[in-house]
N, C-alpha and C. Protein backbone atom coordinates (compact mmCIF):
# COMPACT_ATOMS: atom_id res chain seq x y z
N MET A 1 30.25 81.95 -43.52
CA MET A 1 29.64 83.27 -43.61
C MET A 1 28.43 83.36 -42.68
N LYS A 2 28.32 84.45 -41.94
CA LYS A 2 27.23 84.61 -41.01
C LYS A 2 25.90 84.86 -41.74
N THR A 3 24.81 84.35 -41.16
CA THR A 3 23.49 84.65 -41.68
C THR A 3 23.09 86.06 -41.25
N THR A 4 22.04 86.58 -41.87
CA THR A 4 21.56 87.92 -41.52
C THR A 4 21.20 88.00 -40.04
N ASN A 5 20.50 86.99 -39.53
CA ASN A 5 20.12 87.00 -38.12
C ASN A 5 21.34 86.96 -37.20
N GLU A 6 22.36 86.20 -37.59
CA GLU A 6 23.58 86.15 -36.78
C GLU A 6 24.25 87.52 -36.73
N ILE A 7 24.25 88.24 -37.84
CA ILE A 7 24.83 89.58 -37.87
C ILE A 7 24.02 90.52 -36.99
N ILE A 8 22.70 90.46 -37.08
CA ILE A 8 21.85 91.32 -36.25
C ILE A 8 22.08 91.02 -34.77
N LEU A 9 22.18 89.74 -34.43
CA LEU A 9 22.37 89.35 -33.03
C LEU A 9 23.76 89.71 -32.50
N SER A 10 24.70 89.99 -33.39
CA SER A 10 26.03 90.41 -32.96
C SER A 10 26.04 91.86 -32.50
N CYS A 11 24.96 92.59 -32.80
CA CYS A 11 24.82 93.98 -32.36
C CYS A 11 24.38 93.99 -30.90
N PRO A 12 24.98 94.84 -30.05
CA PRO A 12 24.60 94.89 -28.63
C PRO A 12 23.11 95.11 -28.38
N LEU A 13 22.45 95.78 -29.30
CA LEU A 13 21.03 96.05 -29.15
C LEU A 13 20.19 94.77 -29.12
N PHE A 14 20.68 93.74 -29.84
CA PHE A 14 19.90 92.52 -29.97
C PHE A 14 20.59 91.27 -29.42
N SER A 15 21.78 91.41 -28.90
CA SER A 15 22.56 90.24 -28.49
C SER A 15 21.84 89.41 -27.44
N GLY A 16 21.94 88.08 -27.59
CA GLY A 16 21.36 87.16 -26.62
C GLY A 16 19.87 86.92 -26.76
N MET A 17 19.24 87.51 -27.75
CA MET A 17 17.79 87.35 -27.91
C MET A 17 17.44 85.99 -28.51
N THR A 18 16.26 85.50 -28.15
CA THR A 18 15.73 84.31 -28.80
C THR A 18 15.17 84.72 -30.16
N GLU A 19 14.84 83.73 -30.97
CA GLU A 19 14.30 84.03 -32.30
C GLU A 19 13.01 84.84 -32.19
N LYS A 20 12.15 84.48 -31.23
CA LYS A 20 10.88 85.19 -31.07
C LYS A 20 11.12 86.61 -30.56
N GLU A 21 12.04 86.77 -29.62
CA GLU A 21 12.35 88.10 -29.10
C GLU A 21 12.88 89.00 -30.20
N LEU A 22 13.75 88.44 -31.05
CA LEU A 22 14.30 89.22 -32.16
C LEU A 22 13.19 89.64 -33.12
N GLU A 23 12.29 88.72 -33.41
CA GLU A 23 11.17 89.03 -34.29
C GLU A 23 10.35 90.19 -33.72
N ASN A 24 10.06 90.13 -32.42
CA ASN A 24 9.29 91.21 -31.78
C ASN A 24 10.05 92.53 -31.78
N ALA A 25 11.36 92.44 -31.55
CA ALA A 25 12.18 93.65 -31.53
C ALA A 25 12.21 94.33 -32.90
N LEU A 26 12.35 93.55 -33.95
CA LEU A 26 12.39 94.12 -35.30
C LEU A 26 11.05 94.76 -35.66
N LEU A 27 9.96 94.18 -35.16
CA LEU A 27 8.64 94.79 -35.37
C LEU A 27 8.56 96.11 -34.61
N LEU A 28 9.07 96.14 -33.38
CA LEU A 28 9.05 97.34 -32.56
C LEU A 28 9.80 98.48 -33.24
N PHE A 29 10.91 98.14 -33.89
CA PHE A 29 11.74 99.15 -34.57
C PHE A 29 11.32 99.40 -36.02
N SER A 30 10.22 98.74 -36.44
CA SER A 30 9.76 98.89 -37.84
C SER A 30 10.92 98.66 -38.82
N ALA A 31 11.64 97.57 -38.62
CA ALA A 31 12.87 97.30 -39.37
C ALA A 31 12.59 97.11 -40.86
N ALA A 32 13.47 97.68 -41.67
CA ALA A 32 13.38 97.52 -43.13
C ALA A 32 14.79 97.56 -43.70
N SER A 33 15.14 96.59 -44.53
CA SER A 33 16.49 96.52 -45.09
C SER A 33 16.52 97.12 -46.49
N ARG A 34 17.71 97.61 -46.85
CA ARG A 34 17.90 98.19 -48.18
C ARG A 34 19.35 98.01 -48.60
N ALA A 35 19.54 97.72 -49.88
CA ALA A 35 20.88 97.54 -50.43
C ALA A 35 21.34 98.83 -51.11
N TYR A 36 22.65 99.10 -51.05
CA TYR A 36 23.22 100.30 -51.64
C TYR A 36 24.47 99.95 -52.45
N ARG A 37 24.67 100.65 -53.53
CA ARG A 37 25.88 100.51 -54.32
C ARG A 37 26.98 101.38 -53.74
N ARG A 38 28.22 101.00 -53.97
CA ARG A 38 29.36 101.79 -53.51
C ARG A 38 29.23 103.24 -53.96
N GLY A 39 29.43 104.16 -53.03
CA GLY A 39 29.35 105.59 -53.33
C GLY A 39 27.98 106.20 -53.14
N SER A 40 26.97 105.37 -52.89
CA SER A 40 25.62 105.90 -52.67
C SER A 40 25.56 106.70 -51.38
N ILE A 41 24.81 107.79 -51.40
CA ILE A 41 24.62 108.60 -50.19
C ILE A 41 23.35 108.13 -49.48
N LEU A 42 23.53 107.69 -48.24
CA LEU A 42 22.40 107.21 -47.45
C LEU A 42 21.68 108.37 -46.77
N ALA A 43 22.43 109.39 -46.39
CA ALA A 43 21.85 110.59 -45.77
C ALA A 43 22.85 111.72 -45.94
N SER A 44 22.35 112.91 -46.18
CA SER A 44 23.21 114.07 -46.41
C SER A 44 23.12 115.07 -45.26
N ALA A 45 24.22 115.78 -45.03
CA ALA A 45 24.24 116.83 -44.02
C ALA A 45 23.13 117.84 -44.32
N GLY A 46 22.43 118.27 -43.27
CA GLY A 46 21.33 119.21 -43.44
C GLY A 46 19.97 118.56 -43.47
N GLU A 47 19.94 117.22 -43.62
CA GLU A 47 18.68 116.49 -43.61
C GLU A 47 18.33 116.06 -42.18
N LYS A 48 17.11 115.56 -42.01
CA LYS A 48 16.70 114.94 -40.76
C LYS A 48 16.79 113.43 -40.92
N LEU A 49 17.40 112.76 -39.95
CA LEU A 49 17.55 111.31 -40.00
C LEU A 49 16.46 110.69 -39.14
N GLU A 50 15.48 110.05 -39.78
CA GLU A 50 14.34 109.48 -39.06
C GLU A 50 14.67 108.12 -38.46
N ARG A 51 15.61 107.39 -39.07
CA ARG A 51 15.95 106.04 -38.63
C ARG A 51 17.46 105.91 -38.49
N PHE A 52 17.91 105.02 -37.63
CA PHE A 52 19.33 104.71 -37.56
C PHE A 52 19.56 103.39 -38.27
N GLY A 53 20.82 103.12 -38.62
CA GLY A 53 21.13 101.96 -39.45
C GLY A 53 21.97 100.91 -38.75
N LEU A 54 21.70 99.67 -39.05
CA LEU A 54 22.53 98.53 -38.64
C LEU A 54 23.09 97.93 -39.93
N VAL A 55 24.41 97.95 -40.07
CA VAL A 55 25.03 97.45 -41.29
C VAL A 55 24.98 95.92 -41.31
N LEU A 56 24.43 95.36 -42.38
CA LEU A 56 24.33 93.92 -42.54
C LEU A 56 25.47 93.36 -43.37
N SER A 57 25.97 94.18 -44.30
CA SER A 57 27.13 93.78 -45.11
C SER A 57 27.79 95.03 -45.67
N GLY A 58 29.09 94.90 -45.98
CA GLY A 58 29.81 96.04 -46.53
C GLY A 58 30.24 97.03 -45.45
N THR A 59 30.59 98.23 -45.91
CA THR A 59 31.08 99.28 -45.01
C THR A 59 30.38 100.60 -45.32
N VAL A 60 29.94 101.28 -44.27
CA VAL A 60 29.30 102.58 -44.38
C VAL A 60 30.17 103.59 -43.64
N GLN A 61 30.40 104.75 -44.25
CA GLN A 61 31.21 105.78 -43.60
C GLN A 61 30.39 107.00 -43.24
N VAL A 62 30.70 107.54 -42.07
CA VAL A 62 30.06 108.77 -41.58
C VAL A 62 31.12 109.86 -41.60
N SER A 63 30.86 110.95 -42.29
CA SER A 63 31.87 112.01 -42.43
C SER A 63 31.23 113.38 -42.29
N LEU A 64 32.07 114.37 -42.02
CA LEU A 64 31.61 115.76 -42.00
C LEU A 64 32.68 116.65 -42.60
N ILE A 65 32.32 117.86 -42.89
CA ILE A 65 33.24 118.86 -43.44
C ILE A 65 33.59 119.84 -42.34
N ASP A 66 34.90 120.04 -42.09
CA ASP A 66 35.30 120.95 -41.02
C ASP A 66 35.18 122.41 -41.47
N ILE A 67 35.53 123.32 -40.58
CA ILE A 67 35.36 124.75 -40.84
C ILE A 67 36.20 125.24 -42.02
N ASP A 68 37.28 124.52 -42.35
CA ASP A 68 38.12 124.89 -43.48
C ASP A 68 37.71 124.19 -44.77
N GLY A 69 36.62 123.42 -44.72
CA GLY A 69 36.15 122.72 -45.91
C GLY A 69 36.80 121.38 -46.15
N ASN A 70 37.51 120.87 -45.16
CA ASN A 70 38.17 119.57 -45.31
C ASN A 70 37.29 118.45 -44.78
N PRO A 71 37.24 117.30 -45.49
CA PRO A 71 36.43 116.17 -45.02
C PRO A 71 37.10 115.47 -43.84
N ILE A 72 36.29 115.01 -42.89
CA ILE A 72 36.76 114.25 -41.74
C ILE A 72 35.93 112.98 -41.64
N ILE A 73 36.58 111.84 -41.61
CA ILE A 73 35.88 110.58 -41.41
C ILE A 73 35.62 110.40 -39.92
N MET A 74 34.36 110.41 -39.53
CA MET A 74 34.00 110.26 -38.13
C MET A 74 33.90 108.80 -37.71
N ALA A 75 33.43 107.96 -38.63
CA ALA A 75 33.27 106.53 -38.30
C ALA A 75 33.23 105.72 -39.58
N SER A 76 33.77 104.51 -39.49
CA SER A 76 33.67 103.54 -40.57
C SER A 76 32.96 102.33 -39.99
N VAL A 77 31.76 102.07 -40.45
CA VAL A 77 30.86 101.12 -39.80
C VAL A 77 30.74 99.84 -40.64
N THR A 78 31.02 98.72 -40.02
CA THR A 78 30.98 97.44 -40.71
C THR A 78 29.85 96.56 -40.16
N ALA A 79 29.71 95.36 -40.72
CA ALA A 79 28.59 94.47 -40.38
C ALA A 79 28.46 94.25 -38.87
N GLY A 80 27.26 94.43 -38.38
CA GLY A 80 26.98 94.24 -36.95
C GLY A 80 27.03 95.51 -36.14
N ASP A 81 27.56 96.59 -36.73
CA ASP A 81 27.64 97.87 -36.04
C ASP A 81 26.54 98.81 -36.53
N THR A 82 26.29 99.85 -35.77
CA THR A 82 25.21 100.78 -36.08
C THR A 82 25.73 102.21 -36.27
N PHE A 83 24.89 103.06 -36.83
CA PHE A 83 25.22 104.47 -37.01
C PHE A 83 23.93 105.30 -36.90
N GLY A 84 24.10 106.55 -36.47
CA GLY A 84 22.99 107.50 -36.48
C GLY A 84 22.03 107.41 -35.30
N GLU A 85 22.35 106.59 -34.28
CA GLU A 85 21.42 106.39 -33.17
C GLU A 85 21.15 107.69 -32.41
N SER A 86 22.21 108.41 -32.03
CA SER A 86 22.05 109.63 -31.25
C SER A 86 21.28 110.70 -32.02
N LEU A 87 21.55 110.80 -33.31
CA LEU A 87 20.88 111.80 -34.13
C LEU A 87 19.37 111.53 -34.19
N CYS A 88 19.00 110.24 -34.26
CA CYS A 88 17.58 109.88 -34.26
C CYS A 88 16.95 110.14 -32.90
N TRP A 89 17.65 109.71 -31.86
CA TRP A 89 17.11 109.84 -30.51
C TRP A 89 16.88 111.31 -30.13
N LEU A 90 17.80 112.17 -30.56
CA LEU A 90 17.69 113.60 -30.26
C LEU A 90 16.78 114.33 -31.23
N ARG A 91 16.31 113.61 -32.25
CA ARG A 91 15.44 114.18 -33.28
C ARG A 91 16.07 115.41 -33.91
N THR A 92 17.36 115.28 -34.22
CA THR A 92 18.12 116.38 -34.83
C THR A 92 17.49 116.76 -36.17
N GLN A 93 17.14 118.02 -36.32
CA GLN A 93 16.44 118.47 -37.52
C GLN A 93 17.36 118.53 -38.73
N GLU A 94 18.63 118.91 -38.51
CA GLU A 94 19.60 118.98 -39.61
C GLU A 94 20.88 118.30 -39.16
N ILE A 95 21.10 117.08 -39.62
CA ILE A 95 22.27 116.34 -39.18
C ILE A 95 23.55 116.98 -39.72
N PRO A 96 24.65 116.94 -38.97
CA PRO A 96 25.89 117.60 -39.39
C PRO A 96 26.79 116.70 -40.25
N VAL A 97 26.35 115.47 -40.49
CA VAL A 97 27.21 114.50 -41.18
C VAL A 97 26.57 114.01 -42.46
N THR A 98 27.41 113.44 -43.32
CA THR A 98 26.93 112.73 -44.52
C THR A 98 27.28 111.26 -44.36
N ILE A 99 26.35 110.40 -44.69
CA ILE A 99 26.53 108.96 -44.53
C ILE A 99 26.56 108.32 -45.91
N THR A 100 27.63 107.59 -46.20
CA THR A 100 27.89 107.09 -47.55
C THR A 100 28.25 105.61 -47.52
N ALA A 101 27.86 104.90 -48.57
CA ALA A 101 28.27 103.51 -48.72
C ALA A 101 29.71 103.50 -49.26
N PHE A 102 30.66 103.08 -48.43
CA PHE A 102 32.07 103.03 -48.86
C PHE A 102 32.29 101.86 -49.81
N THR A 103 31.55 100.78 -49.60
CA THR A 103 31.52 99.63 -50.50
C THR A 103 30.04 99.34 -50.80
N ASP A 104 29.79 98.37 -51.67
CA ASP A 104 28.42 97.88 -51.77
C ASP A 104 28.00 97.47 -50.36
N ALA A 105 26.81 97.84 -49.95
CA ALA A 105 26.42 97.60 -48.56
C ALA A 105 24.93 97.32 -48.46
N SER A 106 24.58 96.62 -47.39
CA SER A 106 23.18 96.38 -47.05
C SER A 106 22.95 96.89 -45.63
N VAL A 107 21.88 97.65 -45.45
CA VAL A 107 21.61 98.30 -44.16
C VAL A 107 20.20 97.95 -43.69
N LEU A 108 20.09 97.63 -42.41
CA LEU A 108 18.79 97.45 -41.78
C LEU A 108 18.44 98.76 -41.07
N TRP A 109 17.42 99.44 -41.58
CA TRP A 109 17.01 100.71 -40.99
C TRP A 109 16.03 100.48 -39.86
N LEU A 110 16.23 101.18 -38.74
CA LEU A 110 15.45 100.96 -37.52
C LEU A 110 14.95 102.29 -36.97
N SER A 111 13.69 102.33 -36.59
CA SER A 111 13.12 103.54 -36.02
C SER A 111 13.03 103.42 -34.50
N PRO A 112 13.56 104.42 -33.75
CA PRO A 112 13.48 104.39 -32.29
C PRO A 112 12.19 105.03 -31.75
N GLU A 113 11.24 105.30 -32.62
CA GLU A 113 10.06 106.08 -32.25
C GLU A 113 9.31 105.46 -31.08
N GLU A 114 9.19 104.13 -31.05
CA GLU A 114 8.42 103.48 -29.98
C GLU A 114 9.15 103.50 -28.63
N LEU A 115 10.42 103.94 -28.63
CA LEU A 115 11.16 104.02 -27.39
C LEU A 115 11.15 105.42 -26.79
N MET A 116 10.58 106.37 -27.50
CA MET A 116 10.62 107.75 -27.06
C MET A 116 9.91 107.93 -25.71
N PRO A 117 10.34 108.92 -24.90
CA PRO A 117 9.81 109.11 -23.55
C PRO A 117 8.29 109.25 -23.48
N GLU A 118 7.70 109.83 -24.51
CA GLU A 118 6.24 110.06 -24.46
C GLU A 118 5.43 108.80 -24.75
N LYS A 119 6.10 107.76 -25.19
CA LYS A 119 5.42 106.49 -25.49
C LYS A 119 5.25 105.66 -24.22
N ASN A 120 4.06 105.10 -24.03
CA ASN A 120 3.79 104.22 -22.89
C ASN A 120 3.87 102.77 -23.36
N GLY A 121 5.09 102.26 -23.43
CA GLY A 121 5.28 100.92 -23.95
C GLY A 121 5.07 99.84 -22.90
N ASP A 122 5.00 98.59 -23.36
CA ASP A 122 4.87 97.46 -22.46
C ASP A 122 6.25 97.08 -21.91
N CYS A 123 6.31 95.97 -21.19
CA CYS A 123 7.57 95.54 -20.57
C CYS A 123 8.66 95.29 -21.60
N PHE A 124 8.26 94.72 -22.75
CA PHE A 124 9.26 94.44 -23.78
C PHE A 124 9.83 95.74 -24.34
N ALA A 125 8.98 96.74 -24.54
CA ALA A 125 9.45 98.04 -25.03
C ALA A 125 10.40 98.68 -24.02
N CYS A 126 10.09 98.52 -22.74
CA CYS A 126 10.97 99.06 -21.68
C CYS A 126 12.32 98.36 -21.71
N GLN A 127 12.31 97.04 -21.94
CA GLN A 127 13.55 96.28 -22.03
C GLN A 127 14.39 96.78 -23.22
N MET A 128 13.72 97.03 -24.35
CA MET A 128 14.44 97.50 -25.53
C MET A 128 14.97 98.92 -25.33
N LYS A 129 14.21 99.73 -24.56
CA LYS A 129 14.69 101.08 -24.26
C LYS A 129 15.98 101.02 -23.44
N TYR A 130 16.03 100.08 -22.50
CA TYR A 130 17.25 99.90 -21.70
C TYR A 130 18.41 99.44 -22.58
N ARG A 131 18.14 98.51 -23.48
CA ARG A 131 19.18 98.04 -24.40
C ARG A 131 19.69 99.18 -25.28
N PHE A 132 18.75 99.98 -25.77
CA PHE A 132 19.12 101.10 -26.64
C PHE A 132 19.98 102.10 -25.88
N SER A 133 19.59 102.42 -24.64
CA SER A 133 20.36 103.35 -23.82
C SER A 133 21.76 102.81 -23.54
N SER A 134 21.85 101.51 -23.29
CA SER A 134 23.15 100.88 -23.04
C SER A 134 24.04 100.97 -24.28
N MET A 135 23.43 100.78 -25.47
CA MET A 135 24.19 100.86 -26.71
C MET A 135 24.72 102.28 -26.93
N LEU A 136 23.89 103.28 -26.63
CA LEU A 136 24.33 104.67 -26.75
C LEU A 136 25.51 104.95 -25.82
N ALA A 137 25.44 104.39 -24.60
CA ALA A 137 26.53 104.58 -23.65
C ALA A 137 27.82 103.95 -24.15
N GLN A 138 27.71 102.75 -24.74
CA GLN A 138 28.88 102.08 -25.30
C GLN A 138 29.49 102.88 -26.44
N LYS A 139 28.63 103.49 -27.26
CA LYS A 139 29.10 104.32 -28.36
C LYS A 139 29.89 105.52 -27.83
N THR A 140 29.40 106.09 -26.75
CA THR A 140 30.09 107.24 -26.15
C THR A 140 31.48 106.83 -25.67
N LEU A 141 31.56 105.67 -25.02
CA LEU A 141 32.85 105.18 -24.55
C LEU A 141 33.79 104.90 -25.73
N ALA A 142 33.22 104.39 -26.83
CA ALA A 142 34.04 104.08 -27.99
C ALA A 142 34.67 105.32 -28.60
N MET A 143 34.05 106.49 -28.40
CA MET A 143 34.62 107.72 -28.92
C MET A 143 35.96 108.04 -28.27
N ASN A 144 36.20 107.46 -27.09
CA ASN A 144 37.49 107.66 -26.43
C ASN A 144 38.64 107.14 -27.29
N ASP A 145 38.37 106.06 -28.03
CA ASP A 145 39.40 105.50 -28.91
C ASP A 145 39.80 106.52 -29.97
N ARG A 146 38.82 107.19 -30.55
CA ARG A 146 39.10 108.19 -31.57
C ARG A 146 39.86 109.37 -30.98
N ILE A 147 39.46 109.78 -29.78
CA ILE A 147 40.13 110.90 -29.12
C ILE A 147 41.59 110.56 -28.85
N GLN A 148 41.85 109.32 -28.44
CA GLN A 148 43.23 108.90 -28.20
C GLN A 148 44.07 109.01 -29.46
N ILE A 149 43.50 108.63 -30.60
CA ILE A 149 44.23 108.72 -31.87
C ILE A 149 44.53 110.18 -32.22
N LEU A 150 43.49 111.02 -32.21
CA LEU A 150 43.64 112.40 -32.64
C LEU A 150 44.53 113.22 -31.71
N SER A 151 44.65 112.77 -30.46
CA SER A 151 45.47 113.53 -29.49
C SER A 151 46.97 113.26 -29.64
N LYS A 152 47.33 112.23 -30.40
CA LYS A 152 48.76 111.92 -30.56
C LYS A 152 49.42 112.94 -31.48
N PRO A 153 50.64 113.38 -31.14
CA PRO A 153 51.26 114.47 -31.90
C PRO A 153 51.88 114.05 -33.24
N SER A 154 52.26 112.78 -33.38
CA SER A 154 52.95 112.37 -34.61
C SER A 154 52.14 111.32 -35.37
N ILE A 155 52.43 111.19 -36.66
CA ILE A 155 51.74 110.20 -37.48
C ILE A 155 52.02 108.79 -36.97
N ARG A 156 53.26 108.53 -36.59
CA ARG A 156 53.60 107.20 -36.09
C ARG A 156 52.82 106.86 -34.82
N GLN A 157 52.72 107.81 -33.93
CA GLN A 157 51.97 107.57 -32.69
C GLN A 157 50.49 107.35 -32.98
N LYS A 158 49.95 108.09 -33.93
CA LYS A 158 48.56 107.90 -34.33
C LYS A 158 48.37 106.50 -34.90
N LEU A 159 49.31 106.08 -35.76
CA LEU A 159 49.22 104.77 -36.38
C LEU A 159 49.33 103.65 -35.35
N ILE A 160 50.28 103.76 -34.44
CA ILE A 160 50.47 102.73 -33.42
C ILE A 160 49.22 102.61 -32.55
N THR A 161 48.65 103.75 -32.18
CA THR A 161 47.43 103.73 -31.37
C THR A 161 46.29 103.09 -32.14
N PHE A 162 46.12 103.50 -33.40
CA PHE A 162 45.05 102.95 -34.23
C PHE A 162 45.20 101.45 -34.43
N LEU A 163 46.40 101.00 -34.78
CA LEU A 163 46.63 99.58 -35.04
C LEU A 163 46.49 98.75 -33.76
N SER A 164 46.89 99.31 -32.65
CA SER A 164 46.72 98.62 -31.36
C SER A 164 45.24 98.45 -31.04
N GLN A 165 44.45 99.48 -31.30
CA GLN A 165 43.01 99.38 -31.08
C GLN A 165 42.39 98.33 -31.99
N CYS A 166 42.84 98.29 -33.24
CA CYS A 166 42.32 97.29 -34.18
C CYS A 166 42.69 95.87 -33.74
N SER A 167 43.89 95.71 -33.22
CA SER A 167 44.33 94.39 -32.75
C SER A 167 43.42 93.88 -31.64
N VAL A 168 43.03 94.79 -30.74
CA VAL A 168 42.10 94.41 -29.66
C VAL A 168 40.72 94.11 -30.23
N LYS A 169 40.24 94.98 -31.12
CA LYS A 169 38.90 94.82 -31.68
C LYS A 169 38.76 93.53 -32.48
N TYR A 170 39.78 93.21 -33.29
CA TYR A 170 39.70 92.03 -34.16
C TYR A 170 40.36 90.80 -33.55
N LYS A 171 40.81 90.94 -32.29
CA LYS A 171 41.33 89.80 -31.51
C LYS A 171 42.49 89.09 -32.21
N GLY A 172 43.48 89.84 -32.63
CA GLY A 172 44.65 89.24 -33.26
C GLY A 172 45.59 90.30 -33.78
N LYS A 173 46.80 89.88 -34.15
CA LYS A 173 47.79 90.83 -34.65
C LYS A 173 47.75 90.97 -36.17
N THR A 174 46.91 90.17 -36.83
CA THR A 174 46.70 90.30 -38.27
C THR A 174 45.23 90.61 -38.50
N PHE A 175 44.95 91.66 -39.25
CA PHE A 175 43.57 92.09 -39.44
C PHE A 175 43.47 93.01 -40.65
N SER A 176 42.25 93.16 -41.14
CA SER A 176 41.98 94.09 -42.23
C SER A 176 41.17 95.26 -41.68
N VAL A 177 41.46 96.46 -42.16
CA VAL A 177 40.74 97.65 -41.69
C VAL A 177 39.81 98.14 -42.79
N PRO A 178 38.69 98.79 -42.42
CA PRO A 178 37.71 99.23 -43.42
C PRO A 178 38.05 100.57 -44.06
N PHE A 179 39.33 100.75 -44.44
CA PHE A 179 39.79 102.00 -45.03
C PHE A 179 40.74 101.71 -46.19
N ASP A 180 40.72 102.55 -47.21
CA ASP A 180 41.83 102.58 -48.15
C ASP A 180 42.78 103.67 -47.65
N ARG A 181 43.87 103.93 -48.37
CA ARG A 181 44.86 104.88 -47.87
C ARG A 181 44.27 106.29 -47.69
N GLU A 182 43.46 106.70 -48.65
CA GLU A 182 42.92 108.05 -48.58
C GLU A 182 42.01 108.22 -47.37
N THR A 183 41.10 107.27 -47.16
CA THR A 183 40.17 107.40 -46.04
C THR A 183 40.85 107.13 -44.70
N LEU A 184 41.90 106.31 -44.69
CA LEU A 184 42.66 106.12 -43.45
C LEU A 184 43.34 107.43 -43.05
N ALA A 185 43.88 108.13 -44.04
CA ALA A 185 44.51 109.43 -43.76
C ALA A 185 43.49 110.41 -43.20
N LEU A 186 42.29 110.42 -43.78
CA LEU A 186 41.23 111.30 -43.29
C LEU A 186 40.82 110.92 -41.87
N TYR A 187 40.75 109.63 -41.60
CA TYR A 187 40.35 109.16 -40.27
C TYR A 187 41.39 109.54 -39.21
N LEU A 188 42.66 109.45 -39.59
CA LEU A 188 43.73 109.78 -38.65
C LEU A 188 44.00 111.28 -38.59
N GLY A 189 43.47 112.01 -39.56
CA GLY A 189 43.70 113.45 -39.59
C GLY A 189 45.10 113.82 -40.03
N VAL A 190 45.63 113.08 -41.04
CA VAL A 190 47.00 113.33 -41.51
C VAL A 190 47.03 113.41 -43.03
N ASN A 191 48.15 113.86 -43.56
CA ASN A 191 48.37 113.93 -44.99
C ASN A 191 48.57 112.52 -45.55
N ARG A 192 47.95 112.24 -46.70
CA ARG A 192 48.02 110.90 -47.27
C ARG A 192 49.44 110.49 -47.65
N SER A 193 50.18 111.39 -48.27
CA SER A 193 51.55 111.07 -48.68
C SER A 193 52.44 110.83 -47.46
N ALA A 194 52.26 111.65 -46.44
CA ALA A 194 53.04 111.49 -45.21
C ALA A 194 52.69 110.17 -44.52
N LEU A 195 51.41 109.79 -44.59
CA LEU A 195 50.98 108.51 -44.01
C LEU A 195 51.64 107.35 -44.74
N SER A 196 51.67 107.39 -46.06
CA SER A 196 52.29 106.32 -46.84
C SER A 196 53.78 106.20 -46.53
N ARG A 197 54.45 107.33 -46.37
CA ARG A 197 55.88 107.30 -46.04
C ARG A 197 56.11 106.67 -44.67
N GLU A 198 55.25 107.02 -43.71
CA GLU A 198 55.41 106.48 -42.36
C GLU A 198 55.13 104.99 -42.31
N LEU A 199 54.13 104.55 -43.06
CA LEU A 199 53.84 103.12 -43.12
C LEU A 199 55.01 102.35 -43.71
N SER A 200 55.59 102.88 -44.78
CA SER A 200 56.75 102.23 -45.40
C SER A 200 57.92 102.18 -44.44
N ALA A 201 58.14 103.26 -43.70
CA ALA A 201 59.23 103.30 -42.73
C ALA A 201 59.01 102.28 -41.62
N MET A 202 57.80 102.16 -41.14
CA MET A 202 57.49 101.20 -40.08
C MET A 202 57.65 99.76 -40.57
N GLN A 203 57.35 99.54 -41.84
CA GLN A 203 57.53 98.19 -42.40
C GLN A 203 59.02 97.86 -42.54
N LYS A 204 59.81 98.83 -43.00
CA LYS A 204 61.25 98.61 -43.14
C LYS A 204 61.92 98.35 -41.78
N GLU A 205 61.38 98.98 -40.74
CA GLU A 205 61.93 98.80 -39.40
C GLU A 205 61.41 97.54 -38.70
N GLY A 206 60.57 96.79 -39.40
CA GLY A 206 60.09 95.53 -38.84
C GLY A 206 59.04 95.69 -37.76
N ILE A 207 58.35 96.83 -37.77
CA ILE A 207 57.31 97.06 -36.77
C ILE A 207 55.98 96.47 -37.23
N ILE A 208 55.71 96.60 -38.53
CA ILE A 208 54.47 96.06 -39.11
C ILE A 208 54.77 95.49 -40.49
N GLU A 209 53.83 94.70 -40.98
CA GLU A 209 53.76 94.31 -42.37
C GLU A 209 52.37 94.69 -42.85
N PHE A 210 52.25 95.07 -44.12
CA PHE A 210 50.92 95.39 -44.63
C PHE A 210 50.84 95.16 -46.13
N TYR A 211 49.64 94.85 -46.57
CA TYR A 211 49.33 94.76 -48.00
C TYR A 211 47.93 95.33 -48.18
N LYS A 212 47.86 96.46 -48.90
CA LYS A 212 46.60 97.19 -49.07
C LYS A 212 46.03 97.51 -47.68
N ASN A 213 44.86 96.96 -47.33
CA ASN A 213 44.26 97.33 -46.05
C ASN A 213 44.39 96.22 -44.99
N THR A 214 45.30 95.27 -45.23
CA THR A 214 45.56 94.21 -44.27
C THR A 214 46.88 94.46 -43.58
N PHE A 215 46.88 94.41 -42.25
CA PHE A 215 48.06 94.72 -41.45
C PHE A 215 48.42 93.55 -40.53
N LYS A 216 49.70 93.46 -40.25
CA LYS A 216 50.20 92.52 -39.25
C LYS A 216 51.16 93.25 -38.33
N ILE A 217 50.88 93.23 -37.04
CA ILE A 217 51.77 93.86 -36.06
C ILE A 217 52.86 92.87 -35.70
N LEU A 218 54.11 93.28 -35.88
CA LEU A 218 55.24 92.38 -35.64
C LEU A 218 55.83 92.58 -34.24
N LYS A 219 55.76 93.80 -33.74
CA LYS A 219 56.28 94.04 -32.39
C LYS A 219 55.67 95.31 -31.81
């Protein structure tokens, strides 16, 4: 099991840092950790998000309600990943999303205030500003994965795209995803019953095997 520092260092914002550099970085971001029970709301739509989060354990979900009142899962964030960076950086007064603990979770909250343009930081602050900007750029590129999924016309195509992306992310053909059936359906933008039928059909055809949220790609 990874230590807390190992999880923090797995985040692009802090990767490759020495112990002293990490200590200074956490001070710069006024880092503070907090534990949450499953189902707890970390931030609600309409609020201002002062800090962004780095998940230390568990899973945090970011969701919004569409124009028809239907929930949409925008992101499922696991240990080592972050959420809310752009909303903090843009100082959004009323965030459009709700952030919830999908499981029991621990989050390291970080403030980007010292990186803001009006701040005259030292060389280390400038280095962290570059790291933060790079992380935002990576997040933007990662949204392409979601667009690829949502652009597919059929449930099977959405599933194949999603599972292929997971295989690359988790570096193998067997992996667990941070969704149950209901939230996976919301993430893919499909009906839950139709999703279950398609998964069963793909398993019968020998394309995948699955048990709960663990999948194996067979071909």
